[in-house]
Amino acid sequence: MHLVHMICRWKCLQGRKPIKDFYVLAIGLLIQSEYFDIFDSILRSILILALAETDGYDDNVKQETPSETARICLDNVISGVKNMDIAD
């Protein structure tokens, strides 16, 4: 729980409740992971999303950006959908 508390105090997330809540829930998934492959997939998705400059749909290549795919997968896992096809 120390990790969650630390994330809640990050200044970059202050005043951005939906984003902070998303990352807190995603970190909670990491903490609760029972298997390394699931932990690895969730961590990869968090890092892809957090380090991306853009997200959404890329009109140039007519597909979702990797960060958008990672965000959708994390949203699904957070909401209870058992889809672990997390972007690599």
PDB file of N, CA and C in Angstrom:
ATOM      1  N   MET A   1       0.812  -1.195   0.000  1.00  0.00           N
ATOM      2  CA  MET A   1       0.000   0.000   0.000  1.00  0.00           C
ATOM      3  C   MET A   1       0.858   1.263   0.000  1.00  0.00           C
ATOM      4  N   HIS A   2       2.110   1.125   0.351  1.00  0.00           N
ATOM      5  CA  HIS A   2       2.988   2.294   0.325  1.00  0.00           C
ATOM      6  C   HIS A   2       3.149   2.822  -1.101  1.00  0.00           C
ATOM      7  N   LEU A   3       3.192   1.923  -2.060  1.00  0.00           N
ATOM      8  CA  LEU A   3       3.330   2.317  -3.457  1.00  0.00           C
ATOM      9  C   LEU A   3       2.106   3.106  -3.916  1.00  0.00           C
ATOM     10  N   VAL A   4       0.921   2.658  -3.555  1.00  0.00           N
ATOM     11  CA  VAL A   4      -0.312   3.357  -3.928  1.00  0.00           C
ATOM     12  C   VAL A   4      -0.331   4.741  -3.287  1.00  0.00           C
ATOM     13  N   HIS A   5       0.052   4.822  -2.034  1.00  0.00           N
ATOM     14  CA  HIS A   5       0.082   6.118  -1.349  1.00  0.00           C
ATOM     15  C   HIS A   5       1.078   7.061  -2.022  1.00  0.00           C
ATOM     16  N   MET A   6       2.217   6.533  -2.439  1.00  0.00           N
ATOM     17  CA  MET A   6       3.225   7.343  -3.113  1.00  0.00           C
ATOM     18  C   MET A   6       2.679   7.893  -4.435  1.00  0.00           C
ATOM     19  N   ILE A   7       1.982   7.060  -5.182  1.00  0.00           N
ATOM     20  CA  ILE A   7       1.415   7.499  -6.456  1.00  0.00           C
ATOM     21  C   ILE A   7       0.354   8.577  -6.235  1.00  0.00           C
ATOM     22  N   CYS A   8      -0.429   8.422  -5.195  1.00  0.00           N
ATOM     23  CA  CYS A   8      -1.460   9.418  -4.888  1.00  0.00           C
ATOM     24  C   CYS A   8      -0.870  10.790  -4.594  1.00  0.00           C
ATOM     25  N   ARG A   9       0.366  10.829  -4.187  1.00  0.00           N
ATOM     26  CA  ARG A   9       1.005  12.100  -3.835  1.00  0.00           C
ATOM     27  C   ARG A   9       1.792  12.725  -4.983  1.00  0.00           C
ATOM     28  N   TRP A  10       1.910  12.063  -6.127  1.00  0.00           N
ATOM     29  CA  TRP A  10       2.649  12.619  -7.250  1.00  0.00           C
ATOM     30  C   TRP A  10       2.012  13.929  -7.694  1.00  0.00           C
ATOM     31  N   LYS A  11       2.821  14.960  -7.815  1.00  0.00           N
ATOM     32  CA  LYS A  11       2.314  16.286  -8.190  1.00  0.00           C
ATOM     33  C   LYS A  11       1.735  16.309  -9.600  1.00  0.00           C
ATOM     34  N   CYS A  12       2.268  15.492 -10.493  1.00  0.00           N
ATOM     35  CA  CYS A  12       1.776  15.485 -11.877  1.00  0.00           C
ATOM     36  C   CYS A  12       0.344  14.963 -11.960  1.00  0.00           C
ATOM     37  N   LEU A  13      -0.130  14.277 -10.927  1.00  0.00           N
ATOM     38  CA  LEU A  13      -1.490  13.746 -10.934  1.00  0.00           C
ATOM     39  C   LEU A  13      -2.453  14.566 -10.087  1.00  0.00           C
ATOM     40  N   GLN A  14      -1.957  15.584  -9.416  1.00  0.00           N
ATOM     41  CA  GLN A  14      -2.819  16.427  -8.591  1.00  0.00           C
ATOM     42  C   GLN A  14      -3.786  17.202  -9.489  1.00  0.00           C
ATOM     43  N   GLY A  15      -5.045  17.214  -9.127  1.00  0.00           N
ATOM     44  CA  GLY A  15      -6.060  17.909  -9.915  1.00  0.00           C
ATOM     45  C   GLY A  15      -6.523  17.123 -11.129  1.00  0.00           C
ATOM     46  N   ARG A  16      -6.060  15.895 -11.264  1.00  0.00           N
ATOM     47  CA  ARG A  16      -6.439  15.046 -12.392  1.00  0.00           C
ATOM     48  C   ARG A  16      -7.002  13.734 -11.845  1.00  0.00           C
ATOM     49  N   LYS A  17      -8.099  13.834 -11.152  1.00  0.00           N
ATOM     50  CA  LYS A  17      -8.658  12.694 -10.440  1.00  0.00           C
ATOM     51  C   LYS A  17      -8.895  11.459 -11.317  1.00  0.00           C
ATOM     52  N   PRO A  18      -9.496  11.587 -12.500  1.00  0.00           N
ATOM     53  CA  PRO A  18      -9.719  10.374 -13.312  1.00  0.00           C
ATOM     54  C   PRO A  18      -8.406   9.677 -13.699  1.00  0.00           C
ATOM     55  N   ILE A  19      -7.397  10.460 -14.027  1.00  0.00           N
ATOM     56  CA  ILE A  19      -6.108   9.879 -14.414  1.00  0.00           C
ATOM     57  C   ILE A  19      -5.438   9.243 -13.202  1.00  0.00           C
ATOM     58  N   LYS A  20      -5.468   9.935 -12.076  1.00  0.00           N
ATOM     59  CA  LYS A  20      -4.880   9.397 -10.847  1.00  0.00           C
ATOM     60  C   LYS A  20      -5.586   8.105 -10.455  1.00  0.00           C
ATOM     61  N   ASP A  21      -6.901   8.099 -10.494  1.00  0.00           N
ATOM     62  CA  ASP A  21      -7.660   6.898 -10.146  1.00  0.00           C
ATOM     63  C   ASP A  21      -7.299   5.728 -11.066  1.00  0.00           C
ATOM     64  N   PHE A  22      -7.136   6.020 -12.349  1.00  0.00           N
ATOM     65  CA  PHE A  22      -6.774   4.984 -13.313  1.00  0.00           C
ATOM     66  C   PHE A  22      -5.433   4.353 -12.945  1.00  0.00           C
ATOM     67  N   TYR A  23      -4.416   5.188 -12.687  1.00  0.00           N
ATOM     68  CA  TYR A  23      -3.095   4.663 -12.360  1.00  0.00           C
ATOM     69  C   TYR A  23      -3.083   3.954 -11.007  1.00  0.00           C
ATOM     70  N   VAL A  24      -3.841   4.441 -10.051  1.00  0.00           N
ATOM     71  CA  VAL A  24      -3.925   3.768  -8.753  1.00  0.00           C
ATOM     72  C   VAL A  24      -4.547   2.383  -8.933  1.00  0.00           C
ATOM     73  N   LEU A  25      -5.606   2.293  -9.717  1.00  0.00           N
ATOM     74  CA  LEU A  25      -6.227   0.992  -9.974  1.00  0.00           C
ATOM     75  C   LEU A  25      -5.282   0.061 -10.736  1.00  0.00           C
ATOM     76  N   ALA A  26      -4.545   0.609 -11.687  1.00  0.00           N
ATOM     77  CA  ALA A  26      -3.603  -0.209 -12.459  1.00  0.00           C
ATOM     78  C   ALA A  26      -2.489  -0.738 -11.563  1.00  0.00           C
ATOM     79  N   ILE A  27      -1.976   0.095 -10.680  1.00  0.00           N
ATOM     80  CA  ILE A  27      -0.945  -0.349  -9.742  1.00  0.00           C
ATOM     81  C   ILE A  27      -1.534  -1.376  -8.783  1.00  0.00           C
ATOM     82  N   GLY A  28      -2.786  -1.206  -8.410  1.00  0.00           N
ATOM     83  CA  GLY A  28      -3.463  -2.192  -7.576  1.00  0.00           C
ATOM     84  C   GLY A  28      -3.513  -3.551  -8.249  1.00  0.00           C
ATOM     85  N   LEU A  29      -3.705  -3.560  -9.572  1.00  0.00           N
ATOM     86  CA  LEU A  29      -3.672  -4.821 -10.316  1.00  0.00           C
ATOM     87  C   LEU A  29      -2.308  -5.488 -10.210  1.00  0.00           C
ATOM     88  N   LEU A  30      -1.251  -4.673 -10.280  1.00  0.00           N
ATOM     89  CA  LEU A  30       0.100  -5.225 -10.141  1.00  0.00           C
ATOM     90  C   LEU A  30       0.288  -5.873  -8.774  1.00  0.00           C
ATOM     91  N   ILE A  31      -0.152  -5.166  -7.754  1.00  0.00           N
ATOM     92  CA  ILE A  31       0.011  -5.657  -6.388  1.00  0.00           C
ATOM     93  C   ILE A  31      -0.743  -6.968  -6.186  1.00  0.00           C
ATOM     94  N   GLN A  32      -1.893  -7.101  -6.818  1.00  0.00           N
ATOM     95  CA  GLN A  32      -2.732  -8.284  -6.638  1.00  0.00           C
ATOM     96  C   GLN A  32      -2.402  -9.423  -7.604  1.00  0.00           C
ATOM     97  N   SER A  33      -1.484  -9.189  -8.525  1.00  0.00           N
ATOM     98  CA  SER A  33      -1.147 -10.222  -9.516  1.00  0.00           C
ATOM     99  C   SER A  33      -0.583 -11.456  -8.828  1.00  0.00           C
ATOM    100  N   GLU A  34      -1.107 -12.603  -9.224  1.00  0.00           N
ATOM    101  CA  GLU A  34      -0.648 -13.875  -8.657  1.00  0.00           C
ATOM    102  C   GLU A  34       0.375 -14.562  -9.547  1.00  0.00           C
ATOM    103  N   TYR A  35       0.404 -14.205 -10.818  1.00  0.00           N
ATOM    104  CA  TYR A  35       1.299 -14.855 -11.761  1.00  0.00           C
ATOM    105  C   TYR A  35       2.197 -13.819 -12.422  1.00  0.00           C
ATOM    106  N   PHE A  36       3.441 -14.223 -12.662  1.00  0.00           N
ATOM    107  CA  PHE A  36       4.405 -13.292 -13.223  1.00  0.00           C
ATOM    108  C   PHE A  36       4.013 -12.809 -14.615  1.00  0.00           C
ATOM    109  N   ASP A  37       3.462 -13.681 -15.454  1.00  0.00           N
ATOM    110  CA  ASP A  37       3.114 -13.265 -16.816  1.00  0.00           C
ATOM    111  C   ASP A  37       2.022 -12.198 -16.818  1.00  0.00           C
ATOM    112  N   ILE A  38       1.092 -12.299 -15.885  1.00  0.00           N
ATOM    113  CA  ILE A  38       0.056 -11.268 -15.768  1.00  0.00           C
ATOM    114  C   ILE A  38       0.669  -9.968 -15.257  1.00  0.00           C
ATOM    115  N   PHE A  39       1.525 -10.073 -14.244  1.00  0.00           N
ATOM    116  CA  PHE A  39       2.230  -8.900 -13.721  1.00  0.00           C
ATOM    117  C   PHE A  39       3.004  -8.209 -14.836  1.00  0.00           C
ATOM    118  N   ASP A  40       3.731  -8.997 -15.622  1.00  0.00           N
ATOM    119  CA  ASP A  40       4.540  -8.468 -16.718  1.00  0.00           C
ATOM    120  C   ASP A  40       3.674  -7.752 -17.748  1.00  0.00           C
ATOM    121  N   SER A  41       2.550  -8.350 -18.117  1.00  0.00           N
ATOM    122  CA  SER A  41       1.660  -7.741 -19.112  1.00  0.00           C
ATOM    123  C   SER A  41       1.076  -6.424 -18.618  1.00  0.00           C
ATOM    124  N   ILE A  42       0.658  -6.402 -17.369  1.00  0.00           N
ATOM    125  CA  ILE A  42       0.078  -5.173 -16.803  1.00  0.00           C
ATOM    126  C   ILE A  42       1.141  -4.092 -16.697  1.00  0.00           C
ATOM    127  N   LEU A  43       2.327  -4.460 -16.220  1.00  0.00           N
ATOM    128  CA  LEU A  43       3.402  -3.470 -16.098  1.00  0.00           C
ATOM    129  C   LEU A  43       3.787  -2.906 -17.457  1.00  0.00           C
ATOM    130  N   ARG A  44       3.892  -3.769 -18.465  1.00  0.00           N
ATOM    131  CA  ARG A  44       4.208  -3.289 -19.824  1.00  0.00           C
ATOM    132  C   ARG A  44       3.161  -2.281 -20.306  1.00  0.00           C
ATOM    133  N   SER A  45       1.906  -2.600 -20.084  1.00  0.00           N
ATOM    134  CA  SER A  45       0.836  -1.701 -20.527  1.00  0.00           C
ATOM    135  C   SER A  45       0.884  -0.367 -19.795  1.00  0.00           C
ATOM    136  N   ILE A  46       1.133  -0.417 -18.502  1.00  0.00           N
ATOM    137  CA  ILE A  46       1.239   0.830 -17.732  1.00  0.00           C
ATOM    138  C   ILE A  46       2.380   1.674 -18.269  1.00  0.00           C
ATOM    139  N   LEU A  47       3.531   1.065 -18.506  1.00  0.00           N
ATOM    140  CA  LEU A  47       4.688   1.813 -18.995  1.00  0.00           C
ATOM    141  C   LEU A  47       4.471   2.330 -20.409  1.00  0.00           C
ATOM    142  N   ILE A  48       3.876   1.529 -21.277  1.00  0.00           N
ATOM    143  CA  ILE A  48       3.581   1.985 -22.643  1.00  0.00           C
ATOM    144  C   ILE A  48       2.686   3.213 -22.595  1.00  0.00           C
ATOM    145  N   LEU A  49       1.665   3.159 -21.774  1.00  0.00           N
ATOM    146  CA  LEU A  49       0.715   4.261 -21.678  1.00  0.00           C
ATOM    147  C   LEU A  49       1.342   5.494 -21.032  1.00  0.00           C
ATOM    148  N   ALA A  50       2.066   5.291 -19.949  1.00  0.00           N
ATOM    149  CA  ALA A  50       2.638   6.421 -19.214  1.00  0.00           C
ATOM    150  C   ALA A  50       3.731   7.140 -20.003  1.00  0.00           C
ATOM    151  N   LEU A  51       4.453   6.421 -20.831  1.00  0.00           N
ATOM    152  CA  LEU A  51       5.572   7.016 -21.555  1.00  0.00           C
ATOM    153  C   LEU A  51       5.208   7.504 -22.954  1.00  0.00           C
ATOM    154  N   ALA A  52       3.982   7.269 -23.380  1.00  0.00           N
ATOM    155  CA  ALA A  52       3.563   7.654 -24.731  1.00  0.00           C
ATOM    156  C   ALA A  52       3.295   9.150 -24.827  1.00  0.00           C
ATOM    157  N   GLU A  53       3.616   9.696 -25.971  1.00  0.00           N
ATOM    158  CA  GLU A  53       3.331  11.106 -26.225  1.00  0.00           C
ATOM    159  C   GLU A  53       1.930  11.304 -26.776  1.00  0.00           C
ATOM    160  N   THR A  54       1.402  10.295 -27.440  1.00  0.00           N
ATOM    161  CA  THR A  54       0.061  10.392 -28.016  1.00  0.00           C
ATOM    162  C   THR A  54      -0.709   9.107 -27.736  1.00  0.00           C
ATOM    163  N   ASP A  55      -2.010   9.193 -27.888  1.00  0.00           N
ATOM    164  CA  ASP A  55      -2.846   8.001 -27.822  1.00  0.00           C
ATOM    165  C   ASP A  55      -4.000   8.194 -28.779  1.00  0.00           C
ATOM    166  N   GLY A  56      -4.873   7.239 -28.831  1.00  0.00           N
ATOM    167  CA  GLY A  56      -6.018   7.331 -29.727  1.00  0.00           C
ATOM    168  C   GLY A  56      -5.798   6.559 -31.004  1.00  0.00           C
ATOM    169  N   TYR A  57      -6.331   7.076 -32.077  1.00  0.00           N
ATOM    170  CA  TYR A  57      -6.302   6.429 -33.377  1.00  0.00           C
ATOM    171  C   TYR A  57      -5.342   7.188 -34.282  1.00  0.00           C
ATOM    172  N   ASP A  58      -4.433   6.489 -34.915  1.00  0.00           N
ATOM    173  CA  ASP A  58      -3.469   7.111 -35.818  1.00  0.00           C
ATOM    174  C   ASP A  58      -4.022   7.052 -37.235  1.00  0.00           C
ATOM    175  N   ASP A  59      -4.420   8.206 -37.744  1.00  0.00           N
ATOM    176  CA  ASP A  59      -5.002   8.266 -39.090  1.00  0.00           C
ATOM    177  C   ASP A  59      -4.000   7.912 -40.181  1.00  0.00           C
ATOM    178  N   ASN A  60      -2.712   8.126 -39.924  1.00  0.00           N
ATOM    179  CA  ASN A  60      -1.702   7.829 -40.942  1.00  0.00           C
ATOM    180  C   ASN A  60      -1.608   6.336 -41.251  1.00  0.00           C
ATOM    181  N   VAL A  61      -1.729   5.510 -40.229  1.00  0.00           N
ATOM    182  CA  VAL A  61      -1.623   4.057 -40.453  1.00  0.00           C
ATOM    183  C   VAL A  61      -2.959   3.350 -40.261  1.00  0.00           C
ATOM    184  N   LYS A  62      -4.003   4.117 -39.994  1.00  0.00           N
ATOM    185  CA  LYS A  62      -5.372   3.596 -39.872  1.00  0.00           C
ATOM    186  C   LYS A  62      -5.512   2.510 -38.796  1.00  0.00           C
ATOM    187  N   GLN A  63      -4.917   2.775 -37.633  1.00  0.00           N
ATOM    188  CA  GLN A  63      -5.063   1.841 -36.513  1.00  0.00           C
ATOM    189  C   GLN A  63      -4.818   2.570 -35.196  1.00  0.00           C
ATOM    190  N   GLU A  64      -5.143   1.886 -34.100  1.00  0.00           N
ATOM    191  CA  GLU A  64      -4.916   2.443 -32.777  1.00  0.00           C
ATOM    192  C   GLU A  64      -3.415   2.550 -32.520  1.00  0.00           C
ATOM    193  N   THR A  65      -3.030   3.561 -31.750  1.00  0.00           N
ATOM    194  CA  THR A  65      -1.639   3.648 -31.318  1.00  0.00           C
ATOM    195  C   THR A  65      -1.405   2.575 -30.259  1.00  0.00           C
ATOM    196  N   PRO A  66      -0.148   2.179 -30.044  1.00  0.00           N
ATOM    197  CA  PRO A  66       0.129   1.189 -28.999  1.00  0.00           C
ATOM    198  C   PRO A  66      -0.353   1.639 -27.618  1.00  0.00           C
ATOM    199  N   SER A  67      -0.273   2.936 -27.346  1.00  0.00           N
ATOM    200  CA  SER A  67      -0.733   3.408 -26.040  1.00  0.00           C
ATOM    201  C   SER A  67      -2.248   3.310 -25.909  1.00  0.00           C
ATOM    202  N   GLU A  68      -2.963   3.512 -26.990  1.00  0.00           N
ATOM    203  CA  GLU A  68      -4.419   3.366 -26.951  1.00  0.00           C
ATOM    204  C   GLU A  68      -4.802   1.902 -26.722  1.00  0.00           C
ATOM    205  N   THR A  69      -4.107   1.004 -27.386  1.00  0.00           N
ATOM    206  CA  THR A  69      -4.351  -0.428 -27.182  1.00  0.00           C
ATOM    207  C   THR A  69      -4.071  -0.815 -25.739  1.00  0.00           C
ATOM    208  N   ALA A  70      -2.969  -0.304 -25.176  1.00  0.00           N
ATOM    209  CA  ALA A  70      -2.622  -0.594 -23.779  1.00  0.00           C
ATOM    210  C   ALA A  70      -3.673  -0.030 -22.830  1.00  0.00           C
ATOM    211  N   ARG A  71      -4.161   1.181 -23.106  1.00  0.00           N
ATOM    212  CA  ARG A  71      -5.173   1.795 -22.252  1.00  0.00           C
ATOM    213  C   ARG A  71      -6.478   1.001 -22.275  1.00  0.00           C
ATOM    214  N   ILE A  72      -6.889   0.580 -23.453  1.00  0.00           N
ATOM    215  CA  ILE A  72      -8.126  -0.200 -23.575  1.00  0.00           C
ATOM    216  C   ILE A  72      -7.993  -1.525 -22.825  1.00  0.00           C
ATOM    217  N   CYS A  73      -6.856  -2.186 -22.976  1.00  0.00           N
ATOM    218  CA  CYS A  73      -6.646  -3.458 -22.272  1.00  0.00           C
ATOM    219  C   CYS A  73      -6.647  -3.254 -20.760  1.00  0.00           C
ATOM    220  N   LEU A  74      -5.983  -2.215 -20.283  1.00  0.00           N
ATOM    221  CA  LEU A  74      -5.989  -1.936 -18.835  1.00  0.00           C
ATOM    222  C   LEU A  74      -7.394  -1.605 -18.358  1.00  0.00           C
ATOM    223  N   ASP A  75      -8.125  -0.815 -19.132  1.00  0.00           N
ATOM    224  CA  ASP A  75      -9.521  -0.508 -18.780  1.00  0.00           C
ATOM    225  C   ASP A  75     -10.335  -1.786 -18.645  1.00  0.00           C
ATOM    226  N   ASN A  76     -10.142  -2.705 -19.585  1.00  0.00           N
ATOM    227  CA  ASN A  76     -10.874  -3.971 -19.554  1.00  0.00           C
ATOM    228  C   ASN A  76     -10.522  -4.793 -18.331  1.00  0.00           C
ATOM    229  N   VAL A  77      -9.250  -4.864 -18.005  1.00  0.00           N
ATOM    230  CA  VAL A  77      -8.828  -5.651 -16.847  1.00  0.00           C
ATOM    231  C   VAL A  77      -9.338  -5.003 -15.558  1.00  0.00           C
ATOM    232  N   ILE A  78      -9.263  -3.684 -15.478  1.00  0.00           N
ATOM    233  CA  ILE A  78      -9.757  -2.968 -14.300  1.00  0.00           C
ATOM    234  C   ILE A  78     -11.254  -3.203 -14.129  1.00  0.00           C
ATOM    235  N   SER A  79     -11.989  -3.200 -15.231  1.00  0.00           N
ATOM    236  CA  SER A  79     -13.443  -3.367 -15.148  1.00  0.00           C
ATOM    237  C   SER A  79     -13.864  -4.830 -15.007  1.00  0.00           C
ATOM    238  N   GLY A  80     -12.893  -5.744 -15.027  1.00  0.00           N
ATOM    239  CA  GLY A  80     -13.207  -7.144 -14.775  1.00  0.00           C
ATOM    240  C   GLY A  80     -13.276  -8.023 -15.999  1.00  0.00           C
ATOM    241  N   VAL A  81     -13.079  -7.469 -17.172  1.00  0.00           N
ATOM    242  CA  VAL A  81     -13.059  -8.276 -18.386  1.00  0.00           C
ATOM    243  C   VAL A  81     -11.753  -9.081 -18.380  1.00  0.00           C
ATOM    244  N   LYS A  82     -11.846 -10.343 -18.626  1.00  0.00           N
ATOM    245  CA  LYS A  82     -10.664 -11.216 -18.563  1.00  0.00           C
ATOM    246  C   LYS A  82      -9.930 -11.246 -19.893  1.00  0.00           C
ATOM    247  N   ASN A  83      -9.535 -10.109 -20.413  1.00  0.00           N
ATOM    248  CA  ASN A  83      -8.826 -10.017 -21.681  1.00  0.00           C
ATOM    249  C   ASN A  83      -7.397  -9.559 -21.389  1.00  0.00           C
ATOM    250  N   MET A  84      -6.458 -10.466 -21.443  1.00  0.00           N
ATOM    251  CA  MET A  84      -5.078 -10.112 -21.145  1.00  0.00           C
ATOM    252  C   MET A  84      -4.231 -10.006 -22.395  1.00  0.00           C
ATOM    253  N   ASP A  85      -4.838  -9.679 -23.542  1.00  0.00           N
ATOM    254  CA  ASP A  85      -4.083  -9.472 -24.767  1.00  0.00           C
ATOM    255  C   ASP A  85      -3.454  -8.098 -24.731  1.00  0.00           C
ATOM    256  N   ILE A  86      -2.572  -7.898 -23.768  1.00  0.00           N
ATOM    257  CA  ILE A  86      -1.936  -6.607 -23.551  1.00  0.00           C
ATOM    258  C   ILE A  86      -0.877  -6.394 -24.627  1.00  0.00           C
ATOM    259  N   ALA A  87      -0.773  -5.152 -25.075  1.00  0.00           N
ATOM    260  CA  ALA A  87       0.184  -4.815 -26.140  1.00  0.00           C
ATOM    261  C   ALA A  87       1.609  -5.044 -25.672  1.00  0.00           C
ATOM    262  N   ASP A  88       2.440  -5.562 -26.571  1.00  0.00           N
ATOM    263  CA  ASP A  88       3.861  -5.774 -26.272  1.00  0.00           C
ATOM    264  C   ASP A  88       4.663  -4.620 -26.798  1.00  0.00           C
TER     265      ASP A  88
END
